[in-house]
């Protein structure tokens, strides 16, 4: 009878240990996956911002060039 009780207790302790190891593994894995997802999401957002800033710089450059050309044409027209 004593050996049956010891076996049941040993099985319970082993099951608790296995559950703890599995839970630790799953939490660690979830942490790694969420960190990778977050890194990828932040990288994509950063790239989108860089493209947006590049487009804004490019449109600002075109605007300035157009204004400068307009001013040059106006000043040349006033001289004639």
PDB file of N, CA and C in Angstrom:
ATOM      1  N   UNK A   1       0.818  -1.193   0.000  1.00  0.00           N
ATOM      2  CA  UNK A   1       0.000   0.000   0.000  1.00  0.00           C
ATOM      3  C   UNK A   1       0.866   1.263   0.000  1.00  0.00           C
ATOM      4  N   UNK A   2       1.958   1.203   0.786  1.00  0.00           N
ATOM      5  CA  UNK A   2       2.852   2.347   0.867  1.00  0.00           C
ATOM      6  C   UNK A   2       3.497   2.638  -0.473  1.00  0.00           C
ATOM      7  N   UNK A   3       3.873   1.610  -1.210  1.00  0.00           N
ATOM      8  CA  UNK A   3       4.520   1.813  -2.518  1.00  0.00           C
ATOM      9  C   UNK A   3       3.541   2.399  -3.540  1.00  0.00           C
ATOM     10  N   UNK A   4       2.266   2.035  -3.444  1.00  0.00           N
ATOM     11  CA  UNK A   4       1.260   2.592  -4.365  1.00  0.00           C
ATOM     12  C   UNK A   4       1.096   4.095  -4.093  1.00  0.00           C
ATOM     13  N   UNK A   5       1.032   4.460  -2.837  1.00  0.00           N
ATOM     14  CA  UNK A   5       0.902   5.875  -2.473  1.00  0.00           C
ATOM     15  C   UNK A   5       2.140   6.650  -2.914  1.00  0.00           C
ATOM     16  N   UNK A   6       3.330   6.076  -2.710  1.00  0.00           N
ATOM     17  CA  UNK A   6       4.571   6.736  -3.135  1.00  0.00           C
ATOM     18  C   UNK A   6       4.612   6.899  -4.656  1.00  0.00           C
ATOM     19  N   UNK A   7       4.129   5.911  -5.377  1.00  0.00           N
ATOM     20  CA  UNK A   7       4.092   5.984  -6.840  1.00  0.00           C
ATOM     21  C   UNK A   7       3.125   7.075  -7.297  1.00  0.00           C
ATOM     22  N   UNK A   8       1.964   7.145  -6.655  1.00  0.00           N
ATOM     23  CA  UNK A   8       0.986   8.188  -7.014  1.00  0.00           C
ATOM     24  C   UNK A   8       1.556   9.571  -6.713  1.00  0.00           C
ATOM     25  N   UNK A   9       2.195   9.747  -5.564  1.00  0.00           N
ATOM     26  CA  UNK A   9       2.796  11.031  -5.204  1.00  0.00           C
ATOM     27  C   UNK A   9       3.915  11.381  -6.187  1.00  0.00           C
ATOM     28  N   UNK A  10       4.739  10.411  -6.536  1.00  0.00           N
ATOM     29  CA  UNK A  10       5.818  10.636  -7.501  1.00  0.00           C
ATOM     30  C   UNK A  10       5.248  11.047  -8.861  1.00  0.00           C
ATOM     31  N   UNK A  11       4.165  10.377  -9.285  1.00  0.00           N
ATOM     32  CA  UNK A  11       3.526  10.722 -10.568  1.00  0.00           C
ATOM     33  C   UNK A  11       2.956  12.141 -10.517  1.00  0.00           C
ATOM     34  N   UNK A  12       2.358  12.516  -9.396  1.00  0.00           N
ATOM     35  CA  UNK A  12       1.819  13.877  -9.254  1.00  0.00           C
ATOM     36  C   UNK A  12       2.935  14.915  -9.303  1.00  0.00           C
ATOM     37  N   UNK A  13       4.020  14.664  -8.601  1.00  0.00           N
ATOM     38  CA  UNK A  13       5.151  15.597  -8.600  1.00  0.00           C
ATOM     39  C   UNK A  13       5.749  15.692  -9.997  1.00  0.00           C
ATOM     40  N   UNK A  14       5.867  14.563 -10.672  1.00  0.00           N
ATOM     41  CA  UNK A  14       6.401  14.553 -12.036  1.00  0.00           C
ATOM     42  C   UNK A  14       5.479  15.331 -12.970  1.00  0.00           C
ATOM     43  N   UNK A  15       4.187  15.168 -12.806  1.00  0.00           N
ATOM     44  CA  UNK A  15       3.224  15.901 -13.640  1.00  0.00           C
ATOM     45  C   UNK A  15       3.307  17.406 -13.363  1.00  0.00           C
ATOM     46  N   UNK A  16       3.460  17.799 -12.123  1.00  0.00           N
ATOM     47  CA  UNK A  16       3.601  19.217 -11.778  1.00  0.00           C
ATOM     48  C   UNK A  16       4.881  19.777 -12.385  1.00  0.00           C
ATOM     49  N   UNK A  17       5.967  19.020 -12.295  1.00  0.00           N
ATOM     50  CA  UNK A  17       7.230  19.450 -12.893  1.00  0.00           C
ATOM     51  C   UNK A  17       7.100  19.602 -14.408  1.00  0.00           C
ATOM     52  N   UNK A  18       6.502  18.636 -15.060  1.00  0.00           N
ATOM     53  CA  UNK A  18       6.329  18.687 -16.513  1.00  0.00           C
ATOM     54  C   UNK A  18       5.446  19.875 -16.897  1.00  0.00           C
ATOM     55  N   UNK A  19       4.393  20.108 -16.135  1.00  0.00           N
ATOM     56  CA  UNK A  19       3.524  21.258 -16.397  1.00  0.00           C
ATOM     57  C   UNK A  19       4.261  22.574 -16.229  1.00  0.00           C
ATOM     58  N   UNK A  20       5.107  22.651 -15.222  1.00  0.00           N
ATOM     59  CA  UNK A  20       5.900  23.872 -15.008  1.00  0.00           C
ATOM     60  C   UNK A  20       6.880  24.119 -16.141  1.00  0.00           C
ATOM     61  N   UNK A  21       7.554  23.057 -16.581  1.00  0.00           N
ATOM     62  CA  UNK A  21       8.504  23.192 -17.695  1.00  0.00           C
ATOM     63  C   UNK A  21       7.765  23.596 -18.964  1.00  0.00           C
ATOM     64  N   UNK A  22       6.652  22.954 -19.235  1.00  0.00           N
ATOM     65  CA  UNK A  22       5.874  23.272 -20.436  1.00  0.00           C
ATOM     66  C   UNK A  22       5.356  24.710 -20.396  1.00  0.00           C
ATOM     67  N   UNK A  23       4.851  25.128 -19.238  1.00  0.00           N
ATOM     68  CA  UNK A  23       4.352  26.495 -19.094  1.00  0.00           C
ATOM     69  C   UNK A  23       5.476  27.506 -19.299  1.00  0.00           C
ATOM     70  N   UNK A  24       6.633  27.248 -18.717  1.00  0.00           N
ATOM     71  CA  UNK A  24       7.785  28.137 -18.891  1.00  0.00           C
ATOM     72  C   UNK A  24       8.187  28.217 -20.351  1.00  0.00           C
ATOM     73  N   UNK A  25       8.220  27.077 -21.022  1.00  0.00           N
ATOM     74  CA  UNK A  25       8.579  27.058 -22.441  1.00  0.00           C
ATOM     75  C   UNK A  25       7.572  27.857 -23.264  1.00  0.00           C
ATOM     76  N   UNK A  26       6.290  27.654 -23.014  1.00  0.00           N
ATOM     77  CA  UNK A  26       5.264  28.348 -23.790  1.00  0.00           C
ATOM     78  C   UNK A  26       5.316  29.858 -23.550  1.00  0.00           C
ATOM     79  N   UNK A  27       5.519  30.287 -22.319  1.00  0.00           N
ATOM     80  CA  UNK A  27       5.611  31.720 -22.034  1.00  0.00           C
ATOM     81  C   UNK A  27       6.835  32.338 -22.698  1.00  0.00           C
ATOM     82  N   UNK A  28       7.956  31.611 -22.658  1.00  0.00           N
ATOM     83  CA  UNK A  28       9.174  32.105 -23.305  1.00  0.00           C
ATOM     84  C   UNK A  28       8.982  32.189 -24.819  1.00  0.00           C
ATOM     85  N   UNK A  29       8.365  31.167 -25.378  1.00  0.00           N
ATOM     86  CA  UNK A  29       8.115  31.145 -26.825  1.00  0.00           C
ATOM     87  C   UNK A  29       7.169  32.278 -27.228  1.00  0.00           C
ATOM     88  N   UNK A  30       6.146  32.510 -26.442  1.00  0.00           N
ATOM     89  CA  UNK A  30       5.207  33.591 -26.732  1.00  0.00           C
ATOM     90  C   UNK A  30       5.921  34.940 -26.650  1.00  0.00           C
ATOM     91  N   UNK A  31       6.823  35.068 -25.695  1.00  0.00           N
ATOM     92  CA  UNK A  31       7.581  36.310 -25.549  1.00  0.00           C
ATOM     93  C   UNK A  31       8.467  36.546 -26.776  1.00  0.00           C
ATOM     94  N   UNK A  32       9.126  35.512 -27.251  1.00  0.00           N
ATOM     95  CA  UNK A  32       9.985  35.629 -28.434  1.00  0.00           C
ATOM     96  C   UNK A  32       9.154  35.984 -29.663  1.00  0.00           C
ATOM     97  N   UNK A  33       8.027  35.313 -29.828  1.00  0.00           N
ATOM     98  CA  UNK A  33       7.180  35.582 -30.989  1.00  0.00           C
ATOM     99  C   UNK A  33       6.620  37.003 -30.953  1.00  0.00           C
ATOM    100  N   UNK A  34       6.190  37.440 -29.778  1.00  0.00           N
ATOM    101  CA  UNK A  34       5.635  38.798 -29.689  1.00  0.00           C
ATOM    102  C   UNK A  34       6.723  39.841 -29.914  1.00  0.00           C
ATOM    103  N   UNK A  35       7.929  39.560 -29.442  1.00  0.00           N
ATOM    104  CA  UNK A  35       9.034  40.498 -29.661  1.00  0.00           C
ATOM    105  C   UNK A  35       9.376  40.578 -31.149  1.00  0.00           C
ATOM    106  N   UNK A  36       9.414  39.431 -31.833  1.00  0.00           N
ATOM    107  CA  UNK A  36       9.673  39.427 -33.274  1.00  0.00           C
ATOM    108  C   UNK A  36       8.571  40.163 -34.027  1.00  0.00           C
ATOM    109  N   UNK A  37       7.327  39.922 -33.640  1.00  0.00           N
ATOM    110  CA  UNK A  37       6.207  40.600 -34.295  1.00  0.00           C
ATOM    111  C   UNK A  37       6.306  42.104 -34.095  1.00  0.00           C
ATOM    112  N   UNK A  38       6.614  42.504 -32.859  1.00  0.00           N
ATOM    113  CA  UNK A  38       6.735  43.926 -32.554  1.00  0.00           C
ATOM    114  C   UNK A  38       7.886  44.553 -33.333  1.00  0.00           C
ATOM    115  N   UNK A  39       9.019  43.857 -33.394  1.00  0.00           N
ATOM    116  CA  UNK A  39      10.157  44.378 -34.153  1.00  0.00           C
ATOM    117  C   UNK A  39       9.795  44.564 -35.620  1.00  0.00           C
ATOM    118  N   UNK A  40       9.123  43.575 -36.188  1.00  0.00           N
ATOM    119  CA  UNK A  40       8.731  43.680 -37.597  1.00  0.00           C
ATOM    120  C   UNK A  40       7.722  44.808 -37.807  1.00  0.00           C
ATOM    121  N   UNK A  41       6.766  44.925 -36.902  1.00  0.00           N
ATOM    122  CA  UNK A  41       5.761  45.987 -37.035  1.00  0.00           C
ATOM    123  C   UNK A  41       6.410  47.360 -36.923  1.00  0.00           C
ATOM    124  N   UNK A  42       7.330  47.518 -35.976  1.00  0.00           N
ATOM    125  CA  UNK A  42       8.015  48.800 -35.829  1.00  0.00           C
ATOM    126  C   UNK A  42       8.892  49.109 -37.039  1.00  0.00           C
ATOM    127  N   UNK A  43       9.560  48.084 -37.567  1.00  0.00           N
ATOM    128  CA  UNK A  43      10.406  48.289 -38.748  1.00  0.00           C
ATOM    129  C   UNK A  43       9.561  48.714 -39.947  1.00  0.00           C
ATOM    130  N   UNK A  44       8.415  48.081 -40.136  1.00  0.00           N
ATOM    131  CA  UNK A  44       7.532  48.466 -41.238  1.00  0.00           C
ATOM    132  C   UNK A  44       7.015  49.888 -41.069  1.00  0.00           C
ATOM    133  N   UNK A  45       6.631  50.238 -39.852  1.00  0.00           N
ATOM    134  CA  UNK A  45       6.139  51.592 -39.595  1.00  0.00           C
ATOM    135  C   UNK A  45       7.251  52.613 -39.828  1.00  0.00           C
ATOM    136  N   UNK A  46       8.467  52.297 -39.384  1.00  0.00           N
ATOM    137  CA  UNK A  46       9.602  53.192 -39.590  1.00  0.00           C
ATOM    138  C   UNK A  46       9.872  53.368 -41.082  1.00  0.00           C
ATOM    139  N   UNK A  47       9.824  52.273 -41.843  1.00  0.00           N
ATOM    140  CA  UNK A  47      10.044  52.361 -43.281  1.00  0.00           C
ATOM    141  C   UNK A  47       8.967  53.201 -43.957  1.00  0.00           C
ATOM    142  N   UNK A  48       7.732  53.042 -43.528  1.00  0.00           N
ATOM    143  CA  UNK A  48       6.645  53.849 -44.095  1.00  0.00           C
ATOM    144  C   UNK A  48       6.859  55.327 -43.792  1.00  0.00           C
ATOM    145  N   UNK A  49       7.317  55.630 -42.584  1.00  0.00           N
ATOM    146  CA  UNK A  49       7.592  57.030 -42.238  1.00  0.00           C
ATOM    147  C   UNK A  49       8.738  57.578 -43.076  1.00  0.00           C
ATOM    148  N   UNK A  50       9.762  56.756 -43.296  1.00  0.00           N
ATOM    149  CA  UNK A  50      10.885  57.210 -44.112  1.00  0.00           C
ATOM    150  C   UNK A  50      10.445  57.499 -45.542  1.00  0.00           C
ATOM    151  N   UNK A  51       9.586  56.641 -46.087  1.00  0.00           N
ATOM    152  CA  UNK A  51       9.058  56.871 -47.437  1.00  0.00           C
ATOM    153  C   UNK A  51       8.215  58.137 -47.455  1.00  0.00           C
ATOM    154  N   UNK A  52       7.396  58.328 -46.438  1.00  0.00           N
ATOM    155  CA  UNK A  52       6.559  59.528 -46.357  1.00  0.00           C
ATOM    156  C   UNK A  52       7.430  60.781 -46.286  1.00  0.00           C
ATOM    157  N   UNK A  53       8.454  60.774 -45.445  1.00  0.00           N
ATOM    158  CA  UNK A  53       9.342  61.929 -45.337  1.00  0.00           C
ATOM    159  C   UNK A  53      10.078  62.181 -46.648  1.00  0.00           C
ATOM    160  N   UNK A  54      10.479  61.115 -47.307  1.00  0.00           N
ATOM    161  CA  UNK A  54      11.159  61.255 -48.594  1.00  0.00           C
ATOM    162  C   UNK A  54      10.230  61.893 -49.627  1.00  0.00           C
ATOM    163  N   UNK A  55       8.984  61.440 -49.645  1.00  0.00           N
ATOM    164  CA  UNK A  55       8.006  62.023 -50.577  1.00  0.00           C
ATOM    165  C   UNK A  55       7.771  63.501 -50.259  1.00  0.00           C
ATOM    166  N   UNK A  56       7.692  63.822 -48.964  1.00  0.00           N
ATOM    167  CA  UNK A  56       7.479  65.215 -48.579  1.00  0.00           C
ATOM    168  C   UNK A  56       8.670  66.085 -48.975  1.00  0.00           C
ATOM    169  N   UNK A  57       9.890  65.575 -48.767  1.00  0.00           N
ATOM    170  CA  UNK A  57      11.079  66.331 -49.182  1.00  0.00           C
ATOM    171  C   UNK A  57      11.098  66.534 -50.683  1.00  0.00           C
ATOM    172  N   UNK A  58      10.747  65.516 -51.397  1.00  0.00           N
ATOM    173  CA  UNK A  58      10.738  65.597 -52.855  1.00  0.00           C
ATOM    174  C   UNK A  58       9.690  66.595 -53.343  1.00  0.00           C
ATOM    175  N   UNK A  59       8.502  66.571 -52.764  1.00  0.00           N
ATOM    176  CA  UNK A  59       7.471  67.525 -53.176  1.00  0.00           C
ATOM    177  C   UNK A  59       7.843  68.946 -52.756  1.00  0.00           C
ATOM    178  N   UNK A  60       8.502  69.091 -51.596  1.00  0.00           N
ATOM    179  CA  UNK A  60       8.953  70.417 -51.172  1.00  0.00           C
ATOM    180  C   UNK A  60      10.018  70.941 -52.129  1.00  0.00           C
ATOM    181  N   UNK A  61      10.913  70.075 -52.561  1.00  0.00           N
ATOM    182  CA  UNK A  61      11.956  70.485 -53.511  1.00  0.00           C
ATOM    183  C   UNK A  61      11.318  70.933 -54.831  1.00  0.00           C
ATOM    184  N   UNK A  62      10.344  70.173 -55.319  1.00  0.00           N
ATOM    185  CA  UNK A  62       9.650  70.557 -56.550  1.00  0.00           C
ATOM    186  C   UNK A  62       8.945  71.899 -56.380  1.00  0.00           C
ATOM    187  N   UNK A  63       8.321  72.109 -55.243  1.00  0.00           N
ATOM    188  CA  UNK A  63       7.617  73.366 -54.972  1.00  0.00           C
ATOM    189  C   UNK A  63       8.602  74.535 -54.975  1.00  0.00           C
ATOM    190  N   UNK A  64       9.716  74.371 -54.287  1.00  0.00           N
ATOM    191  CA  UNK A  64      10.712  75.438 -54.210  1.00  0.00           C
ATOM    192  C   UNK A  64      11.274  75.730 -55.599  1.00  0.00           C
ATOM    193  N   UNK A  65      11.579  74.673 -56.357  1.00  0.00           N
ATOM    194  CA  UNK A  65      12.097  74.878 -57.713  1.00  0.00           C
ATOM    195  C   UNK A  65      11.079  75.613 -58.586  1.00  0.00           C
ATOM    196  N   UNK A  66       9.804  75.272 -58.434  1.00  0.00           N
ATOM    197  CA  UNK A  66       8.753  75.935 -59.213  1.00  0.00           C
ATOM    198  C   UNK A  66       8.642  77.412 -58.823  1.00  0.00           C
ATOM    199  N   UNK A  67       8.689  77.701 -57.525  1.00  0.00           N
ATOM    200  CA  UNK A  67       8.613  79.082 -57.052  1.00  0.00           C
ATOM    201  C   UNK A  67       9.829  79.883 -57.528  1.00  0.00           C
ATOM    202  N   UNK A  68      11.011  79.282 -57.446  1.00  0.00           N
ATOM    203  CA  UNK A  68      12.222  79.971 -57.897  1.00  0.00           C
ATOM    204  C   UNK A  68      12.137  80.249 -59.389  1.00  0.00           C
ATOM    205  N   UNK A  69      11.705  79.274 -60.163  1.00  0.00           N
ATOM    206  CA  UNK A  69      11.575  79.471 -61.607  1.00  0.00           C
ATOM    207  C   UNK A  69      10.546  80.555 -61.905  1.00  0.00           C
ATOM    208  N   UNK A  70       9.454  80.569 -61.161  1.00  0.00           N
ATOM    209  CA  UNK A  70       8.434  81.599 -61.352  1.00  0.00           C
ATOM    210  C   UNK A  70       8.993  82.986 -61.039  1.00  0.00           C
ATOM    211  N   UNK A  71       9.740  83.110 -59.938  1.00  0.00           N
ATOM    212  CA  UNK A  71      10.332  84.397 -59.563  1.00  0.00           C
ATOM    213  C   UNK A  71      11.347  84.855 -60.607  1.00  0.00           C
ATOM    214  N   UNK A  72      12.124  83.915 -61.119  1.00  0.00           N
ATOM    215  CA  UNK A  72      13.110  84.257 -62.153  1.00  0.00           C
ATOM    216  C   UNK A  72      12.397  84.753 -63.401  1.00  0.00           C
ATOM    217  N   UNK A  73      11.352  84.052 -63.790  1.00  0.00           N
ATOM    218  CA  UNK A  73      10.596  84.472 -64.985  1.00  0.00           C
ATOM    219  C   UNK A  73       9.944  85.837 -64.761  1.00  0.00           C
ATOM    220  N   UNK A  74       9.435  86.067 -63.557  1.00  0.00           N
ATOM    221  CA  UNK A  74       8.811  87.358 -63.269  1.00  0.00           C
ATOM    222  C   UNK A  74       9.845  88.489 -63.300  1.00  0.00           C
ATOM    223  N   UNK A  75      11.031  88.201 -62.745  1.00  0.00           N
ATOM    224  CA  UNK A  75      12.047  89.252 -62.726  1.00  0.00           C
ATOM    225  C   UNK A  75      12.583  89.512 -64.131  1.00  0.00           C
ATOM    226  N   UNK A  76      12.671  88.482 -64.958  1.00  0.00           N
ATOM    227  CA  UNK A  76      13.125  88.675 -66.338  1.00  0.00           C
ATOM    228  C   UNK A  76      12.052  89.408 -67.150  1.00  0.00           C
ATOM    229  N   UNK A  77      10.797  89.143 -66.878  1.00  0.00           N
ATOM    230  CA  UNK A  77       9.710  89.804 -67.560  1.00  0.00           C
ATOM    231  C   UNK A  77       9.631  91.269 -67.163  1.00  0.00           C
ATOM    232  N   UNK A  78       9.963  91.606 -65.925  1.00  0.00           N
ATOM    233  CA  UNK A  78       9.909  92.990 -65.458  1.00  0.00           C
ATOM    234  C   UNK A  78      11.046  93.805 -66.037  1.00  0.00           C
ATOM    235  N   UNK A  79      12.195  93.158 -66.301  1.00  0.00           N
ATOM    236  CA  UNK A  79      13.354  93.869 -66.851  1.00  0.00           C
ATOM    237  C   UNK A  79      13.145  94.228 -68.305  1.00  0.00           C
ATOM    238  N   UNK A  80      12.373  93.450 -69.018  1.00  0.00           N
ATOM    239  CA  UNK A  80      12.199  93.683 -70.457  1.00  0.00           C
ATOM    240  C   UNK A  80      11.209  94.721 -70.692  1.00  0.00           C
TER     241      UNK A  80
END
